[in-house]
PDB file of N, CA and C in Angstrom:
ATOM      1  N   UNK A   1       2.862 -30.406 -15.183  1.00  0.00           N
ATOM      2  CA  UNK A   1       3.102 -28.962 -15.535  1.00  0.00           C
ATOM      3  C   UNK A   1       1.762 -28.406 -13.632  1.00  0.00           C
ATOM      4  N   UNK A   2       2.305 -28.313 -13.201  1.00  0.00           N
ATOM      5  CA  UNK A   2       1.552 -27.666 -11.802  1.00  0.00           C
ATOM      6  C   UNK A   2       2.057 -26.127 -12.268  1.00  0.00           C
ATOM      7  N   UNK A   3       0.188 -25.155 -11.366  1.00  0.00           N
ATOM      8  CA  UNK A   3       0.174 -24.228 -11.578  1.00  0.00           C
ATOM      9  C   UNK A   3      -0.067 -23.843 -10.214  1.00  0.00           C
ATOM     10  N   UNK A   4       0.528 -23.061  -9.573  1.00  0.00           N
ATOM     11  CA  UNK A   4      -0.113 -22.725  -7.735  1.00  0.00           C
ATOM     12  C   UNK A   4      -0.828 -21.368  -8.068  1.00  0.00           C
ATOM     13  N   UNK A   5      -1.878 -21.449  -8.440  1.00  0.00           N
ATOM     14  CA  UNK A   5      -3.585 -20.607  -8.482  1.00  0.00           C
ATOM     15  C   UNK A   5      -3.200 -19.336  -7.160  1.00  0.00           C
ATOM     16  N   UNK A   6      -2.969 -19.920  -6.286  1.00  0.00           N
ATOM     17  CA  UNK A   6      -3.391 -18.635  -5.051  1.00  0.00           C
ATOM     18  C   UNK A   6      -2.025 -17.675  -5.034  1.00  0.00           C
ATOM     19  N   UNK A   7      -1.142 -17.764  -6.521  1.00  0.00           N
ATOM     20  CA  UNK A   7       0.545 -16.986  -6.267  1.00  0.00           C
ATOM     21  C   UNK A   7      -0.399 -16.120  -7.596  1.00  0.00           C
ATOM     22  N   UNK A   8      -1.144 -16.344  -8.264  1.00  0.00           N
ATOM     23  CA  UNK A   8      -1.059 -15.545 -10.096  1.00  0.00           C
ATOM     24  C   UNK A   8      -2.782 -14.907 -10.495  1.00  0.00           C
ATOM     25  N   UNK A   9      -3.002 -14.215 -10.640  1.00  0.00           N
ATOM     26  CA  UNK A   9      -3.917 -12.647 -10.855  1.00  0.00           C
ATOM     27  C   UNK A   9      -3.538 -13.045 -11.703  1.00  0.00           C
ATOM     28  N   UNK A  10      -5.348 -12.525 -13.103  1.00  0.00           N
ATOM     29  CA  UNK A  10      -5.316 -12.705 -14.559  1.00  0.00           C
ATOM     30  C   UNK A  10      -5.703 -10.661 -14.428  1.00  0.00           C
ATOM     31  N   UNK A  11      -4.559 -10.265 -15.868  1.00  0.00           N
ATOM     32  CA  UNK A  11      -4.951  -9.137 -16.224  1.00  0.00           C
ATOM     33  C   UNK A  11      -4.818  -9.399 -18.115  1.00  0.00           C
ATOM     34  N   UNK A  12      -5.605  -9.250 -18.051  1.00  0.00           N
ATOM     35  CA  UNK A  12      -6.443  -9.156 -19.642  1.00  0.00           C
ATOM     36  C   UNK A  12      -6.180 -10.948 -19.530  1.00  0.00           C
ATOM     37  N   UNK A  13      -5.469 -11.324 -20.672  1.00  0.00           N
ATOM     38  CA  UNK A  13      -5.119 -12.596 -21.194  1.00  0.00           C
ATOM     39  C   UNK A  13      -3.965 -13.075 -20.504  1.00  0.00           C
ATOM     40  N   UNK A  14      -3.177 -12.774 -19.562  1.00  0.00           N
ATOM     41  CA  UNK A  14      -2.217 -13.047 -19.265  1.00  0.00           C
ATOM     42  C   UNK A  14      -1.685 -12.941 -17.728  1.00  0.00           C
ATOM     43  N   UNK A  15      -1.017 -14.520 -17.293  1.00  0.00           N
ATOM     44  CA  UNK A  15      -1.601 -14.204 -16.529  1.00  0.00           C
ATOM     45  C   UNK A  15       0.272 -13.499 -14.987  1.00  0.00           C
ATOM     46  N   UNK A  16       0.214 -13.053 -14.250  1.00  0.00           N
ATOM     47  CA  UNK A  16       1.078 -12.442 -13.435  1.00  0.00           C
ATOM     48  C   UNK A  16       1.294 -13.266 -12.222  1.00  0.00           C
ATOM     49  N   UNK A  17       2.304 -13.313 -11.493  1.00  0.00           N
ATOM     50  CA  UNK A  17       2.308 -13.128 -10.212  1.00  0.00           C
ATOM     51  C   UNK A  17       1.742 -12.251  -9.300  1.00  0.00           C
ATOM     52  N   UNK A  18       1.370 -12.345  -8.108  1.00  0.00           N
ATOM     53  CA  UNK A  18       0.690 -11.109  -7.322  1.00  0.00           C
ATOM     54  C   UNK A  18       1.998 -11.219  -5.978  1.00  0.00           C
ATOM     55  N   UNK A  19       1.881  -9.887  -5.784  1.00  0.00           N
ATOM     56  CA  UNK A  19       3.109  -9.369  -4.875  1.00  0.00           C
ATOM     57  C   UNK A  19       2.765 -10.161  -3.958  1.00  0.00           C
ATOM     58  N   UNK A  20       3.909 -10.633  -3.006  1.00  0.00           N
ATOM     59  CA  UNK A  20       3.184 -11.177  -1.279  1.00  0.00           C
ATOM     60  C   UNK A  20       3.165  -9.698  -0.133  1.00  0.00           C
ATOM     61  N   UNK A  21       1.994 -10.247   0.339  1.00  0.00           N
ATOM     62  CA  UNK A  21       1.515  -9.206   1.287  1.00  0.00           C
ATOM     63  C   UNK A  21       2.148  -8.702   1.762  1.00  0.00           C
ATOM     64  N   UNK A  22       3.349  -9.156   2.816  1.00  0.00           N
ATOM     65  CA  UNK A  22       4.456  -8.907   3.864  1.00  0.00           C
ATOM     66  C   UNK A  22       5.779  -8.289   2.511  1.00  0.00           C
ATOM     67  N   UNK A  23       5.103  -8.038   1.486  1.00  0.00           N
ATOM     68  CA  UNK A  23       6.908  -7.437   0.059  1.00  0.00           C
ATOM     69  C   UNK A  23       6.025  -6.051   0.391  1.00  0.00           C
ATOM     70  N   UNK A  24       4.795  -5.601  -0.409  1.00  0.00           N
ATOM     71  CA  UNK A  24       4.203  -5.578  -0.793  1.00  0.00           C
ATOM     72  C   UNK A  24       3.725  -3.977   0.580  1.00  0.00           C
ATOM     73  N   UNK A  25       3.448  -4.694   1.767  1.00  0.00           N
ATOM     74  CA  UNK A  25       2.969  -3.560   2.653  1.00  0.00           C
ATOM     75  C   UNK A  25       4.883  -3.267   3.277  1.00  0.00           C
ATOM     76  N   UNK A  26       5.914  -3.778   2.902  1.00  0.00           N
ATOM     77  CA  UNK A  26       7.006  -3.145   3.067  1.00  0.00           C
ATOM     78  C   UNK A  26       7.538  -2.190   2.330  1.00  0.00           C
ATOM     79  N   UNK A  27       6.760  -2.462   0.788  1.00  0.00           N
ATOM     80  CA  UNK A  27       7.947  -1.056  -0.104  1.00  0.00           C
ATOM     81  C   UNK A  27       6.471   0.331   0.047  1.00  0.00           C
ATOM     82  N   UNK A  28       5.438  -0.652   0.664  1.00  0.00           N
ATOM     83  CA  UNK A  28       4.478   0.686   1.153  1.00  0.00           C
ATOM     84  C   UNK A  28       4.871   1.941   1.931  1.00  0.00           C
ATOM     85  N   UNK A  29       5.655   1.194   3.107  1.00  0.00           N
ATOM     86  CA  UNK A  29       5.889   1.563   4.943  1.00  0.00           C
ATOM     87  C   UNK A  29       7.041   2.292   3.808  1.00  0.00           C
ATOM     88  N   UNK A  30       8.405   1.550   3.103  1.00  0.00           N
ATOM     89  CA  UNK A  30       9.678   2.403   2.530  1.00  0.00           C
ATOM     90  C   UNK A  30       9.583   3.733   1.530  1.00  0.00           C
ATOM     91  N   UNK A  31       8.253   3.242   0.961  1.00  0.00           N
ATOM     92  CA  UNK A  31       7.979   4.885  -0.206  1.00  0.00           C
ATOM     93  C   UNK A  31       7.176   5.832   1.107  1.00  0.00           C
ATOM     94  N   UNK A  32       6.602   5.703   1.722  1.00  0.00           N
ATOM     95  CA  UNK A  32       5.607   6.433   3.052  1.00  0.00           C
ATOM     96  C   UNK A  32       7.584   7.509   3.679  1.00  0.00           C
ATOM     97  N   UNK A  33       8.465   6.527   4.114  1.00  0.00           N
ATOM     98  CA  UNK A  33       9.422   6.834   5.275  1.00  0.00           C
ATOM     99  C   UNK A  33      10.178   7.376   4.427  1.00  0.00           C
ATOM    100  N   UNK A  34      10.584   6.946   3.166  1.00  0.00           N
ATOM    101  CA  UNK A  34      11.261   8.183   2.216  1.00  0.00           C
ATOM    102  C   UNK A  34      10.485   9.463   1.438  1.00  0.00           C
ATOM    103  N   UNK A  35       9.914   9.282   1.290  1.00  0.00           N
ATOM    104  CA  UNK A  35       8.965  10.754   0.618  1.00  0.00           C
ATOM    105  C   UNK A  35       9.458  12.230   1.669  1.00  0.00           C
ATOM    106  N   UNK A  36      10.172  11.822   2.572  1.00  0.00           N
ATOM    107  CA  UNK A  36      10.680  13.080   3.288  1.00  0.00           C
ATOM    108  C   UNK A  36       9.398  13.755   3.579  1.00  0.00           C
ATOM    109  N   UNK A  37       7.716  14.163   3.007  1.00  0.00           N
ATOM    110  CA  UNK A  37       7.491  15.348   3.414  1.00  0.00           C
ATOM    111  C   UNK A  37       6.332  14.984   4.594  1.00  0.00           C
ATOM    112  N   UNK A  38       6.138  13.697   5.382  1.00  0.00           N
ATOM    113  CA  UNK A  38       5.555  13.127   6.379  1.00  0.00           C
ATOM    114  C   UNK A  38       5.971  12.356   6.707  1.00  0.00           C
ATOM    115  N   UNK A  39       5.557  11.905   8.199  1.00  0.00           N
ATOM    116  CA  UNK A  39       6.044  11.204   9.494  1.00  0.00           C
ATOM    117  C   UNK A  39       5.357   9.752   9.584  1.00  0.00           C
ATOM    118  N   UNK A  40       5.611   8.941   8.775  1.00  0.00           N
ATOM    119  CA  UNK A  40       5.043   7.437   9.290  1.00  0.00           C
ATOM    120  C   UNK A  40       5.050   6.341  10.375  1.00  0.00           C
ATOM    121  N   UNK A  41       4.982   7.351  11.261  1.00  0.00           N
ATOM    122  CA  UNK A  41       5.526   6.763  12.575  1.00  0.00           C
ATOM    123  C   UNK A  41       4.083   5.979  13.060  1.00  0.00           C
ATOM    124  N   UNK A  42       2.888   6.847  12.873  1.00  0.00           N
ATOM    125  CA  UNK A  42       2.221   5.844  13.561  1.00  0.00           C
ATOM    126  C   UNK A  42       1.312   5.492  12.069  1.00  0.00           C
ATOM    127  N   UNK A  43       1.804   5.531  11.389  1.00  0.00           N
ATOM    128  CA  UNK A  43       1.156   4.914   9.875  1.00  0.00           C
ATOM    129  C   UNK A  43       1.054   3.144   9.834  1.00  0.00           C
ATOM    130  N   UNK A  44      -0.132   2.008   9.904  1.00  0.00           N
ATOM    131  CA  UNK A  44      -0.232   0.917   9.901  1.00  0.00           C
ATOM    132  C   UNK A  44       0.107   0.926   8.566  1.00  0.00           C
ATOM    133  N   UNK A  45       0.193  -0.401   7.525  1.00  0.00           N
ATOM    134  CA  UNK A  45      -0.199  -0.269   6.602  1.00  0.00           C
ATOM    135  C   UNK A  45      -0.738  -2.513   6.735  1.00  0.00           C
ATOM    136  N   UNK A  46      -1.260  -2.213   6.368  1.00  0.00           N
ATOM    137  CA  UNK A  46      -1.606  -3.604   5.737  1.00  0.00           C
ATOM    138  C   UNK A  46      -2.632  -4.154   4.289  1.00  0.00           C
ATOM    139  N   UNK A  47      -2.002  -5.276   3.918  1.00  0.00           N
ATOM    140  CA  UNK A  47      -2.245  -5.426   2.545  1.00  0.00           C
ATOM    141  C   UNK A  47      -3.400  -6.929   2.461  1.00  0.00           C
ATOM    142  N   UNK A  48      -4.142  -6.790   1.366  1.00  0.00           N
ATOM    143  CA  UNK A  48      -5.059  -7.478   1.257  1.00  0.00           C
ATOM    144  C   UNK A  48      -4.935  -8.544  -0.707  1.00  0.00           C
ATOM    145  N   UNK A  49      -4.035  -9.214  -0.669  1.00  0.00           N
ATOM    146  CA  UNK A  49      -3.950  -8.827  -2.794  1.00  0.00           C
ATOM    147  C   UNK A  49      -3.268  -7.985  -2.294  1.00  0.00           C
ATOM    148  N   UNK A  50      -3.132  -7.093  -3.362  1.00  0.00           N
ATOM    149  CA  UNK A  50      -2.866  -5.958  -3.959  1.00  0.00           C
ATOM    150  C   UNK A  50      -3.896  -4.468  -3.684  1.00  0.00           C
ATOM    151  N   UNK A  51      -4.809  -4.693  -2.740  1.00  0.00           N
ATOM    152  CA  UNK A  51      -5.111  -3.776  -2.020  1.00  0.00           C
ATOM    153  C   UNK A  51      -4.269  -2.823  -0.449  1.00  0.00           C
ATOM    154  N   UNK A  52      -3.910  -1.969  -0.311  1.00  0.00           N
ATOM    155  CA  UNK A  52      -3.627  -1.470   0.649  1.00  0.00           C
ATOM    156  C   UNK A  52      -4.829  -0.746   1.489  1.00  0.00           C
ATOM    157  N   UNK A  53      -4.126  -1.413   2.761  1.00  0.00           N
ATOM    158  CA  UNK A  53      -5.013  -0.004   3.621  1.00  0.00           C
ATOM    159  C   UNK A  53      -4.097   1.057   4.810  1.00  0.00           C
ATOM    160  N   UNK A  54      -4.391   1.555   5.002  1.00  0.00           N
ATOM    161  CA  UNK A  54      -3.477   2.663   5.343  1.00  0.00           C
ATOM    162  C   UNK A  54      -4.184   3.107   6.843  1.00  0.00           C
ATOM    163  N   UNK A  55      -4.691   2.668   8.090  1.00  0.00           N
ATOM    164  CA  UNK A  55      -4.707   2.936   9.639  1.00  0.00           C
ATOM    165  C   UNK A  55      -4.093   4.055  10.554  1.00  0.00           C
ATOM    166  N   UNK A  56      -4.414   4.810  11.280  1.00  0.00           N
ATOM    167  CA  UNK A  56      -3.768   5.408  12.101  1.00  0.00           C
ATOM    168  C   UNK A  56      -4.122   6.839  12.212  1.00  0.00           C
ATOM    169  N   UNK A  57      -2.915   7.249  12.212  1.00  0.00           N
ATOM    170  CA  UNK A  57      -2.726   8.546  12.351  1.00  0.00           C
ATOM    171  C   UNK A  57      -1.534   9.417  12.042  1.00  0.00           C
ATOM    172  N   UNK A  58      -1.725  11.078  11.394  1.00  0.00           N
ATOM    173  CA  UNK A  58      -0.641  11.633  11.306  1.00  0.00           C
ATOM    174  C   UNK A  58      -0.479  12.709  12.132  1.00  0.00           C
ATOM    175  N   UNK A  59       0.116  13.399  11.538  1.00  0.00           N
ATOM    176  CA  UNK A  59       0.329  14.715  12.388  1.00  0.00           C
ATOM    177  C   UNK A  59      -0.331  15.612  11.374  1.00  0.00           C
ATOM    178  N   UNK A  60      -1.005  16.092   9.953  1.00  0.00           N
ATOM    179  CA  UNK A  60      -1.323  17.194   9.754  1.00  0.00           C
ATOM    180  C   UNK A  60      -2.300  16.712   8.523  1.00  0.00           C
ATOM    181  N   UNK A  61      -3.188  17.833   8.009  1.00  0.00           N
ATOM    182  CA  UNK A  61      -4.619  16.766   7.267  1.00  0.00           C
ATOM    183  C   UNK A  61      -3.957  17.068   6.208  1.00  0.00           C
ATOM    184  N   UNK A  62      -2.736  18.090   5.455  1.00  0.00           N
ATOM    185  CA  UNK A  62      -2.789  17.461   3.945  1.00  0.00           C
ATOM    186  C   UNK A  62      -1.933  15.747   4.013  1.00  0.00           C
ATOM    187  N   UNK A  63      -1.455  15.114   5.434  1.00  0.00           N
ATOM    188  CA  UNK A  63      -0.894  14.091   5.367  1.00  0.00           C
ATOM    189  C   UNK A  63      -1.706  13.009   4.429  1.00  0.00           C
ATOM    190  N   UNK A  64      -2.714  12.991   5.141  1.00  0.00           N
ATOM    191  CA  UNK A  64      -3.688  12.318   4.564  1.00  0.00           C
ATOM    192  C   UNK A  64      -3.559  11.800   3.307  1.00  0.00           C
ATOM    193  N   UNK A  65      -4.340  13.053   2.761  1.00  0.00           N
ATOM    194  CA  UNK A  65      -3.927  12.825   0.620  1.00  0.00           C
ATOM    195  C   UNK A  65      -2.606  12.193   0.770  1.00  0.00           C
ATOM    196  N   UNK A  66      -1.844  12.818   1.137  1.00  0.00           N
ATOM    197  CA  UNK A  66      -0.576  12.471   0.966  1.00  0.00           C
ATOM    198  C   UNK A  66      -0.137  11.266   1.023  1.00  0.00           C
ATOM    199  N   UNK A  67      -0.230  10.792   1.908  1.00  0.00           N
ATOM    200  CA  UNK A  67       0.225   9.229   2.355  1.00  0.00           C
ATOM    201  C   UNK A  67      -0.500   8.077   1.104  1.00  0.00           C
ATOM    202  N   UNK A  68      -1.717   8.390   0.906  1.00  0.00           N
ATOM    203  CA  UNK A  68      -2.741   7.970  -0.614  1.00  0.00           C
ATOM    204  C   UNK A  68      -1.829   7.958  -1.836  1.00  0.00           C
ATOM    205  N   UNK A  69      -1.487   9.329  -2.021  1.00  0.00           N
ATOM    206  CA  UNK A  69      -0.828   9.168  -3.438  1.00  0.00           C
ATOM    207  C   UNK A  69       0.382   8.171  -3.275  1.00  0.00           C
ATOM    208  N   UNK A  70       0.889   8.457  -2.426  1.00  0.00           N
ATOM    209  CA  UNK A  70       2.840   7.857  -2.360  1.00  0.00           C
ATOM    210  C   UNK A  70       2.231   6.174  -2.661  1.00  0.00           C
ATOM    211  N   UNK A  71       1.344   5.767  -1.663  1.00  0.00           N
ATOM    212  CA  UNK A  71       0.787   4.308  -1.687  1.00  0.00           C
ATOM    213  C   UNK A  71       0.177   4.283  -3.108  1.00  0.00           C
ATOM    214  N   UNK A  72      -0.390   5.070  -3.530  1.00  0.00           N
ATOM    215  CA  UNK A  72      -1.258   4.360  -5.112  1.00  0.00           C
ATOM    216  C   UNK A  72      -0.100   4.241  -6.078  1.00  0.00           C
ATOM    217  N   UNK A  73       0.895   5.145  -5.697  1.00  0.00           N
ATOM    218  CA  UNK A  73       2.151   5.179  -6.777  1.00  0.00           C
ATOM    219  C   UNK A  73       3.128   4.030  -6.479  1.00  0.00           C
ATOM    220  N   UNK A  74       2.819   3.143  -5.371  1.00  0.00           N
ATOM    221  CA  UNK A  74       4.265   2.215  -4.973  1.00  0.00           C
ATOM    222  C   UNK A  74       3.713   0.790  -5.803  1.00  0.00           C
ATOM    223  N   UNK A  75       4.924   0.324  -6.208  1.00  0.00           N
ATOM    224  CA  UNK A  75       4.204  -0.892  -7.836  1.00  0.00           C
ATOM    225  C   UNK A  75       4.149  -1.713  -7.174  1.00  0.00           C
ATOM    226  N   UNK A  76       2.892  -2.649  -7.625  1.00  0.00           N
ATOM    227  CA  UNK A  76       2.152  -3.669  -7.434  1.00  0.00           C
ATOM    228  C   UNK A  76       0.410  -3.017  -6.240  1.00  0.00           C
ATOM    229  N   UNK A  77       0.532  -1.661  -6.004  1.00  0.00           N
ATOM    230  CA  UNK A  77      -1.270  -1.137  -5.773  1.00  0.00           C
ATOM    231  C   UNK A  77      -1.738  -1.169  -6.489  1.00  0.00           C
ATOM    232  N   UNK A  78      -2.890  -2.047  -6.108  1.00  0.00           N
ATOM    233  CA  UNK A  78      -4.189  -1.637  -7.185  1.00  0.00           C
ATOM    234  C   UNK A  78      -5.108  -0.466  -6.291  1.00  0.00           C
ATOM    235  N   UNK A  79      -5.674  -0.385  -5.118  1.00  0.00           N
ATOM    236  CA  UNK A  79      -6.137   0.532  -4.502  1.00  0.00           C
ATOM    237  C   UNK A  79      -5.673   0.499  -2.976  1.00  0.00           C
ATOM    238  N   UNK A  80      -6.215   1.715  -2.704  1.00  0.00           N
ATOM    239  CA  UNK A  80      -5.986   2.251  -1.341  1.00  0.00           C
ATOM    240  C   UNK A  80      -7.261   2.745  -0.115  1.00  0.00           C
ATOM    241  N   UNK A  81      -7.386   1.544   0.543  1.00  0.00           N
ATOM    242  CA  UNK A  81      -8.692   2.548   1.853  1.00  0.00           C
ATOM    243  C   UNK A  81      -7.819   2.781   2.491  1.00  0.00           C
ATOM    244  N   UNK A  82      -7.839   4.400   2.663  1.00  0.00           N
ATOM    245  CA  UNK A  82      -7.282   4.914   3.398  1.00  0.00           C
ATOM    246  C   UNK A  82      -8.067   6.001   5.004  1.00  0.00           C
ATOM    247  N   UNK A  83      -7.674   4.960   5.771  1.00  0.00           N
ATOM    248  CA  UNK A  83      -8.232   5.205   6.853  1.00  0.00           C
ATOM    249  C   UNK A  83      -7.769   6.382   8.010  1.00  0.00           C
ATOM    250  N   UNK A  84      -6.727   6.851   7.576  1.00  0.00           N
ATOM    251  CA  UNK A  84      -6.015   7.825   8.329  1.00  0.00           C
ATOM    252  C   UNK A  84      -6.622   8.702   8.955  1.00  0.00           C
ATOM    253  N   UNK A  85      -6.234   9.352  10.246  1.00  0.00           N
ATOM    254  CA  UNK A  85      -6.776  10.622  10.813  1.00  0.00           C
ATOM    255  C   UNK A  85      -6.089  11.800  10.976  1.00  0.00           C
ATOM    256  N   UNK A  86      -6.124  13.079  11.316  1.00  0.00           N
ATOM    257  CA  UNK A  86      -4.667  14.123  11.644  1.00  0.00           C
ATOM    258  C   UNK A  86      -5.348  13.614  12.753  1.00  0.00           C
ATOM    259  N   UNK A  87      -3.941  14.713  13.541  1.00  0.00           N
ATOM    260  CA  UNK A  87      -3.975  13.957  15.293  1.00  0.00           C
ATOM    261  C   UNK A  87      -4.100  15.982  15.151  1.00  0.00           C
ATOM    262  N   UNK A  88      -5.203  16.353  15.550  1.00  0.00           N
ATOM    263  CA  UNK A  88      -5.891  17.441  15.794  1.00  0.00           C
ATOM    264  C   UNK A  88      -5.483  18.388  16.873  1.00  0.00           C
TER     265      UNK A  88
END
């Protein structure tokens, strides 16, 4: 039996498959785009494992924290590094 260790993580004692980084980035961007209360046009999403970095600009200061909330609710996301800035 062979095991692909690159795509496994351990949660407790059960091995689970880590989401593909590209899929996770797409899922986060899709969630931001469908939120309806912010414009993700200038938000850049990158994944490293299950950690997401949000970089770029949003129109309002409140959208900085809103984007982080949406990202944290996306399935597969463990942690968010929020580097967004409001476009003042």
